[in-house]
Amino acid sequence: MSPSIERQQLQTVHIVPLTAFDQQDRINVEMQSAHTAKLYEAGMRVYLPGAGTSEFHSLLPEEIVQLVKITREVTGPETLIFAPIGYQVNAAKQLAVDCLEAGATGIMFMPFAHPYMSDRGAEEYYRAVMDAADCPTLFYKKAAIPSDELLLELAADERAVGVKYSVNQMHQFRTTVSADTEGMEWVCGSAERFAPYYMLAGSGGFTSGAGNVCPHLSLAMHAAFLAGDYADGMRIQQLILPIEDYRARCGDSFNISMLKYAITLTGADFGPPRPPQRTLTSEQEAEIRQLMEPVLAAEAELAQQKSPVS
């Protein structure tokens, strides 16, 4: 098994980097590397390359491995990289092994795409892949399966280090966290929009897609909440919320498309999202340009404050 990780290493922002495509719809290695290096320079230390906002469902297994490799090459040795795993069980085993060889710290089970789910089937799937990979493991909860009861049972496995929890029921979340006697890290999987409430209920960190365009703001928001300065944390959240509210429109169907356009406003061309992600109208692009102006201004100001004095 890979070296164990400390729980506090997960108590931060878990960035899901956008995936850069070139004009031939291949991974744009130069753009991806530069973007990841920029995130690292801003302070991001936990990465989920190839996961949901990275277009997991439209990526080939070898592309996920490539994204893991790029992330490892341009970040420091302390960086935690969790590779997203899903679909057919034998393919999941092979992807897990390949990603570990490419530099992943561990794996993260994506929400099931399979029909007819049960806790028993989920557990058998998880354990089969975990036995093949034997590494630190995160579980992504976005539906009834896996149940909280199954997650608490899995917590006894030394390889189980955390849960990306994205069922936004705070009492349920708090009750589950309180019942965990094994010490897993319970991470807000619903980004900046829900992070304050998860952190009050016991989460030490949260995932972020908005951090692709405002990493300093996302990290500052987390730092404020972790320090108990909720007034400042909520002030920063108000700056980021227009991004999150726009991504949540029409059943979260703008999740990726909005960010892929927003990042062009920073001078980076990541190409369009792959189908079946929605394309934007000219009116929607204009809305995004307008809402991003104060966000990018605040991000630039904070980045300037954080940069070393020459």
Protein backbone atom coordinates (compact mmCIF):
# COMPACT_ATOMS: atom_id res chain seq x y z
CA MET A 1 0.00 0.00 0.00
CA SER A 2 1.11 3.58 -0.69
CA PRO A 3 2.39 5.53 2.32
CA SER A 4 -0.43 6.54 4.65
CA ILE A 5 -1.63 10.11 4.62
CA GLU A 6 -2.55 12.29 7.55
CA ARG A 7 -6.15 13.36 7.95
CA GLN A 8 -5.23 17.03 8.09
CA GLN A 9 -3.76 16.81 4.59
CA LEU A 10 -7.33 16.37 3.34
CA GLN A 11 -8.58 19.38 5.28
CA THR A 12 -8.19 21.81 2.43
CA VAL A 13 -9.62 22.66 -0.99
CA HIS A 14 -9.81 19.64 -3.29
CA ILE A 15 -9.44 21.09 -6.77
CA VAL A 16 -11.00 19.38 -9.80
CA PRO A 17 -8.91 20.81 -12.64
CA LEU A 18 -10.59 21.57 -15.94
CA THR A 19 -9.32 19.42 -18.79
CA ALA A 20 -7.66 21.28 -21.65
CA PHE A 21 -8.31 19.99 -25.17
CA ASP A 22 -6.48 21.07 -28.31
CA GLN A 23 -7.99 21.62 -31.77
CA GLN A 24 -7.77 17.89 -32.47
CA ASP A 25 -9.75 17.13 -29.27
CA ARG A 26 -6.72 15.64 -27.55
CA ILE A 27 -5.31 16.58 -24.14
CA ASN A 28 -3.44 19.85 -24.55
CA VAL A 29 -0.40 18.88 -22.50
CA GLU A 30 1.22 22.31 -22.51
CA MET A 31 -1.95 24.11 -21.43
CA GLN A 32 -2.84 21.47 -18.85
CA SER A 33 0.63 21.57 -17.35
CA ALA A 34 0.71 25.35 -17.16
CA HIS A 35 -2.72 25.48 -15.54
CA THR A 36 -1.90 22.82 -12.97
CA ALA A 37 1.38 24.55 -12.13
CA LYS A 38 -0.54 27.79 -11.62
CA LEU A 39 -2.95 26.06 -9.24
CA TYR A 40 -0.03 24.60 -7.32
CA GLU A 41 1.66 27.99 -7.09
CA ALA A 42 -1.57 29.42 -5.68
CA GLY A 43 -1.47 26.81 -2.91
CA MET A 44 -3.62 23.88 -4.10
CA ARG A 45 -2.33 20.62 -2.62
CA VAL A 46 -5.13 18.09 -3.25
CA TYR A 47 -6.08 17.28 -6.85
CA LEU A 48 -8.85 15.21 -8.43
CA PRO A 49 -7.72 15.21 -12.10
CA GLY A 50 -10.16 13.61 -14.48
CA ALA A 51 -13.09 13.75 -12.02
CA GLY A 52 -16.54 15.27 -12.60
CA THR A 53 -15.73 18.85 -13.60
CA SER A 54 -12.72 17.44 -15.48
CA GLU A 55 -15.26 15.64 -17.75
CA PHE A 56 -14.75 12.15 -16.30
CA HIS A 57 -17.64 10.67 -18.24
CA SER A 58 -16.20 11.85 -21.56
CA LEU A 59 -12.59 10.81 -20.96
CA LEU A 60 -10.87 7.63 -22.09
CA PRO A 61 -9.07 5.65 -19.37
CA GLU A 62 -5.71 6.50 -20.91
CA GLU A 63 -6.61 10.20 -20.82
CA ILE A 64 -7.30 9.99 -17.08
CA VAL A 65 -3.89 8.35 -16.62
CA GLN A 66 -2.33 11.13 -18.70
CA LEU A 67 -3.97 13.82 -16.52
CA VAL A 68 -2.66 12.12 -13.38
CA LYS A 69 0.83 11.99 -14.87
CA ILE A 70 0.76 15.68 -15.82
CA THR A 71 -0.43 16.62 -12.34
CA ARG A 72 2.36 14.68 -10.67
CA GLU A 73 5.02 16.12 -12.97
CA VAL A 74 4.24 19.78 -12.27
CA THR A 75 3.39 19.68 -8.55
CA GLY A 76 5.44 18.97 -5.46
CA PRO A 77 6.00 15.66 -3.69
CA GLU A 78 3.60 16.66 -0.91
CA THR A 79 0.70 16.92 -3.38
CA LEU A 80 -2.13 14.42 -2.96
CA ILE A 81 -3.59 13.17 -6.23
CA PHE A 82 -6.70 10.99 -6.23
CA ALA A 83 -7.58 9.35 -9.53
CA PRO A 84 -11.30 8.97 -10.36
CA ILE A 85 -12.42 5.35 -10.77
CA GLY A 86 -15.68 3.97 -12.12
CA TYR A 87 -17.61 1.89 -14.65
CA GLN A 88 -16.93 -1.81 -15.30
CA VAL A 89 -15.11 -3.42 -12.37
CA ASN A 90 -12.15 -4.94 -14.23
CA ALA A 91 -11.62 -1.71 -16.16
CA ALA A 92 -11.75 0.14 -12.83
CA LYS A 93 -9.09 -2.16 -11.37
CA GLN A 94 -6.78 -1.59 -14.33
CA LEU A 95 -7.33 2.17 -14.32
CA ALA A 96 -6.54 2.30 -10.61
CA VAL A 97 -3.27 0.41 -11.06
CA ASP A 98 -2.29 2.49 -14.10
CA CYS A 99 -2.99 5.78 -12.31
CA LEU A 100 -0.92 4.74 -9.30
CA GLU A 101 1.97 3.93 -11.62
CA ALA A 102 1.52 7.39 -13.18
CA GLY A 103 1.90 9.09 -9.79
CA ALA A 104 -1.49 9.06 -8.09
CA THR A 105 -1.53 9.00 -4.29
CA GLY A 106 -4.76 7.06 -4.25
CA ILE A 107 -8.13 6.62 -5.91
CA MET A 108 -11.60 8.12 -5.60
CA PHE A 109 -14.66 6.04 -6.45
CA MET A 110 -16.98 8.09 -8.64
CA PRO A 111 -20.78 7.84 -8.19
CA PHE A 112 -22.15 4.70 -9.75
CA ALA A 113 -23.47 4.90 -13.31
CA HIS A 114 -24.91 1.39 -13.00
CA PRO A 115 -28.66 0.68 -12.59
CA TYR A 116 -30.19 -1.64 -9.98
CA MET A 117 -27.79 -0.68 -7.20
CA SER A 118 -27.55 -2.07 -3.68
CA ASP A 119 -25.16 -1.58 -0.78
CA ARG A 120 -24.07 -5.21 -1.08
CA GLY A 121 -23.15 -4.82 -4.73
CA ALA A 122 -21.44 -1.48 -4.06
CA GLU A 123 -19.34 -2.97 -1.27
CA GLU A 124 -18.24 -5.91 -3.41
CA TYR A 125 -17.27 -3.50 -6.20
CA TYR A 126 -15.34 -1.23 -3.83
CA ARG A 127 -13.45 -4.04 -2.17
CA ALA A 128 -12.54 -5.70 -5.47
CA VAL A 129 -10.95 -2.50 -6.76
CA MET A 130 -9.35 -1.64 -3.41
CA ASP A 131 -7.74 -5.08 -3.24
CA ALA A 132 -6.30 -4.56 -6.72
CA ALA A 133 -5.01 -1.05 -5.99
CA ASP A 134 -4.21 -1.25 -2.25
CA CYS A 135 -3.93 2.49 -1.76
CA PRO A 136 -5.57 5.43 0.05
CA THR A 137 -9.18 5.62 -1.07
CA LEU A 138 -11.92 8.23 -1.19
CA PHE A 139 -15.60 7.50 -1.77
CA TYR A 140 -17.88 9.93 -3.61
CA LYS A 141 -21.45 9.91 -2.27
CA LYS A 142 -24.02 11.63 -4.47
CA ALA A 143 -26.99 9.28 -4.09
CA ALA A 144 -28.58 6.78 -1.72
CA ILE A 145 -25.95 4.17 -2.63
CA PRO A 146 -23.50 3.98 -0.95
CA SER A 147 -25.53 4.43 2.20
CA ASP A 148 -24.13 6.19 5.23
CA GLU A 149 -24.16 2.84 7.00
CA LEU A 150 -21.96 1.28 4.32
CA LEU A 151 -19.53 4.20 4.43
CA LEU A 152 -19.22 3.87 8.20
CA GLU A 153 -18.54 0.15 7.77
CA LEU A 154 -15.91 0.82 5.11
CA ALA A 155 -14.24 3.33 7.46
CA ALA A 156 -12.76 0.40 9.36
CA ASP A 157 -10.59 -0.42 6.33
CA GLU A 158 -7.21 1.28 6.76
CA ARG A 159 -7.23 2.22 3.07
CA ALA A 160 -10.45 4.26 3.46
CA VAL A 161 -9.31 7.83 4.16
CA GLY A 162 -12.30 9.97 3.31
CA VAL A 163 -15.67 10.61 1.75
CA LYS A 164 -16.58 13.25 -0.79
CA TYR A 165 -20.12 13.85 0.50
CA SER A 166 -22.50 15.52 -1.91
CA VAL A 167 -25.96 14.78 -0.50
CA ASN A 168 -26.80 18.17 0.89
CA GLN A 169 -28.72 17.12 3.98
CA MET A 170 -26.88 18.71 6.87
CA HIS A 171 -28.49 16.83 9.74
CA GLN A 172 -27.88 13.53 7.97
CA PHE A 173 -24.29 14.54 7.31
CA ARG A 174 -23.68 15.65 10.89
CA THR A 175 -25.21 12.47 12.30
CA THR A 176 -23.01 10.34 10.08
CA VAL A 177 -19.82 12.23 10.89
CA SER A 178 -20.59 11.94 14.60
CA ALA A 179 -21.03 8.18 14.22
CA ASP A 180 -17.60 7.70 12.61
CA THR A 181 -15.27 6.20 15.21
CA GLU A 182 -12.50 5.42 12.72
CA GLY A 183 -11.45 8.96 11.87
CA MET A 184 -12.16 9.25 8.16
CA GLU A 185 -12.19 12.75 6.69
CA TRP A 186 -15.66 13.84 5.54
CA VAL A 187 -15.25 16.36 2.73
CA CYS A 188 -17.93 18.68 1.38
CA GLY A 189 -18.41 17.46 -2.20
CA SER A 190 -20.71 20.32 -3.17
CA ALA A 191 -18.12 23.09 -3.50
CA GLU A 192 -18.19 26.66 -2.24
CA ARG A 193 -21.99 27.01 -2.32
CA PHE A 194 -22.45 24.48 0.49
CA ALA A 195 -18.99 24.49 2.12
CA PRO A 196 -19.81 26.76 5.10
CA TYR A 197 -22.63 24.52 6.26
CA TYR A 198 -20.67 21.30 5.79
CA MET A 199 -17.75 22.75 7.70
CA LEU A 200 -20.01 23.73 10.59
CA ALA A 201 -21.26 20.13 10.57
CA GLY A 202 -17.81 18.56 10.67
CA SER A 203 -16.14 18.76 7.27
CA GLY A 204 -12.54 19.92 7.15
CA GLY A 205 -12.45 20.76 3.46
CA PHE A 206 -14.42 21.06 0.25
CA THR A 207 -14.11 20.32 -3.43
CA SER A 208 -13.90 23.13 -5.94
CA GLY A 209 -14.35 23.73 -9.62
CA ALA A 210 -14.50 27.51 -9.27
CA GLY A 211 -10.93 27.31 -7.96
CA ASN A 212 -9.83 26.86 -11.55
CA VAL A 213 -10.50 30.56 -12.15
CA CYS A 214 -10.10 31.95 -8.61
CA PRO A 215 -7.80 29.61 -6.65
CA HIS A 216 -6.65 32.27 -4.19
CA LEU A 217 -10.25 33.15 -3.30
CA SER A 218 -11.22 29.49 -2.79
CA LEU A 219 -8.22 28.87 -0.56
CA ALA A 220 -8.81 32.07 1.40
CA MET A 221 -12.43 31.12 1.96
CA HIS A 222 -11.39 27.72 3.27
CA ALA A 223 -8.73 29.22 5.52
CA ALA A 224 -11.25 31.62 7.04
CA PHE A 225 -13.76 28.87 7.81
CA LEU A 226 -11.07 26.55 9.18
CA ALA A 227 -9.95 29.34 11.51
CA GLY A 228 -13.53 29.94 12.63
CA ASP A 229 -13.74 33.37 10.99
CA TYR A 230 -17.11 32.81 9.40
CA ALA A 231 -17.76 36.49 8.76
CA ASP A 232 -14.73 36.72 6.47
CA GLY A 233 -15.43 33.30 4.97
CA MET A 234 -18.96 34.32 4.06
CA ARG A 235 -17.68 37.59 2.62
CA ILE A 236 -15.39 35.66 0.27
CA GLN A 237 -18.14 33.17 -0.52
CA GLN A 238 -20.31 36.06 -1.74
CA LEU A 239 -17.62 36.86 -4.30
CA ILE A 240 -17.54 33.26 -5.57
CA LEU A 241 -21.28 32.54 -5.44
CA PRO A 242 -22.14 34.04 -8.85
CA ILE A 243 -19.95 31.34 -10.42
CA GLU A 244 -21.57 28.57 -8.40
CA ASP A 245 -25.10 29.84 -8.93
CA TYR A 246 -24.56 30.00 -12.69
CA ARG A 247 -23.08 26.49 -12.80
CA ALA A 248 -26.13 25.19 -10.91
CA ARG A 249 -28.62 26.47 -13.48
CA CYS A 250 -30.88 23.98 -15.29
CA GLY A 251 -30.05 21.02 -13.10
CA ASP A 252 -26.30 21.79 -12.86
CA SER A 253 -26.00 21.47 -16.63
CA PHE A 254 -23.76 24.57 -16.82
CA ASN A 255 -21.27 23.02 -14.38
CA ILE A 256 -18.50 22.46 -16.92
CA SER A 257 -19.52 24.74 -19.80
CA MET A 258 -19.57 27.85 -17.62
CA LEU A 259 -16.06 27.26 -16.28
CA LYS A 260 -14.67 26.34 -19.69
CA TYR A 261 -15.77 29.72 -20.98
CA ALA A 262 -14.81 31.57 -17.80
CA ILE A 263 -11.23 30.33 -18.00
CA THR A 264 -10.86 31.90 -21.45
CA LEU A 265 -11.25 35.24 -19.69
CA THR A 266 -7.94 34.53 -17.95
CA GLY A 267 -6.22 34.05 -21.32
CA ALA A 268 -6.30 30.23 -21.34
CA ASP A 269 -8.01 28.31 -24.15
CA PHE A 270 -9.11 24.88 -22.92
CA GLY A 271 -11.28 24.16 -25.94
CA PRO A 272 -15.00 23.40 -25.72
CA PRO A 273 -16.37 20.72 -23.43
CA ARG A 274 -17.01 17.37 -25.06
CA PRO A 275 -20.56 16.29 -25.91
CA PRO A 276 -23.02 15.85 -24.35
CA GLN A 277 -22.06 18.91 -22.28
CA ARG A 278 -24.08 21.91 -23.37
CA THR A 279 -22.70 24.68 -25.56
CA LEU A 280 -23.26 28.31 -24.63
CA THR A 281 -25.15 30.97 -26.53
CA SER A 282 -23.63 34.38 -27.17
CA GLU A 283 -26.05 35.80 -24.59
CA GLN A 284 -24.86 33.31 -21.97
CA GLU A 285 -21.24 34.12 -22.73
CA ALA A 286 -22.00 37.80 -22.22
CA GLU A 287 -23.63 37.02 -18.86
CA ILE A 288 -20.55 35.08 -17.78
CA ARG A 289 -18.18 37.85 -18.85
CA GLN A 290 -20.14 40.31 -16.74
CA LEU A 291 -20.36 38.17 -13.62
CA MET A 292 -16.67 37.23 -13.82
CA GLU A 293 -15.38 40.82 -13.83
CA PRO A 294 -15.57 41.39 -10.04
CA VAL A 295 -14.43 37.81 -9.33
CA LEU A 296 -11.31 38.12 -11.45
CA ALA A 297 -10.59 41.56 -10.01
CA ALA A 298 -10.79 40.22 -6.46
CA GLU A 299 -8.69 37.19 -7.40
CA ALA A 300 -5.99 39.40 -8.94
CA GLU A 301 -5.92 41.64 -5.89
CA LEU A 302 -5.58 38.70 -3.52
CA ALA A 303 -2.93 37.04 -5.67
CA GLN A 304 -0.94 40.27 -5.61
CA GLN A 305 -1.16 40.39 -1.81
CA LYS A 306 0.07 36.80 -1.59
CA SER A 307 2.98 37.21 -4.01
CA PRO A 308 6.42 37.68 -2.43
CA VAL A 309 7.78 41.20 -2.36
CA SER A 310 10.60 41.52 -4.91
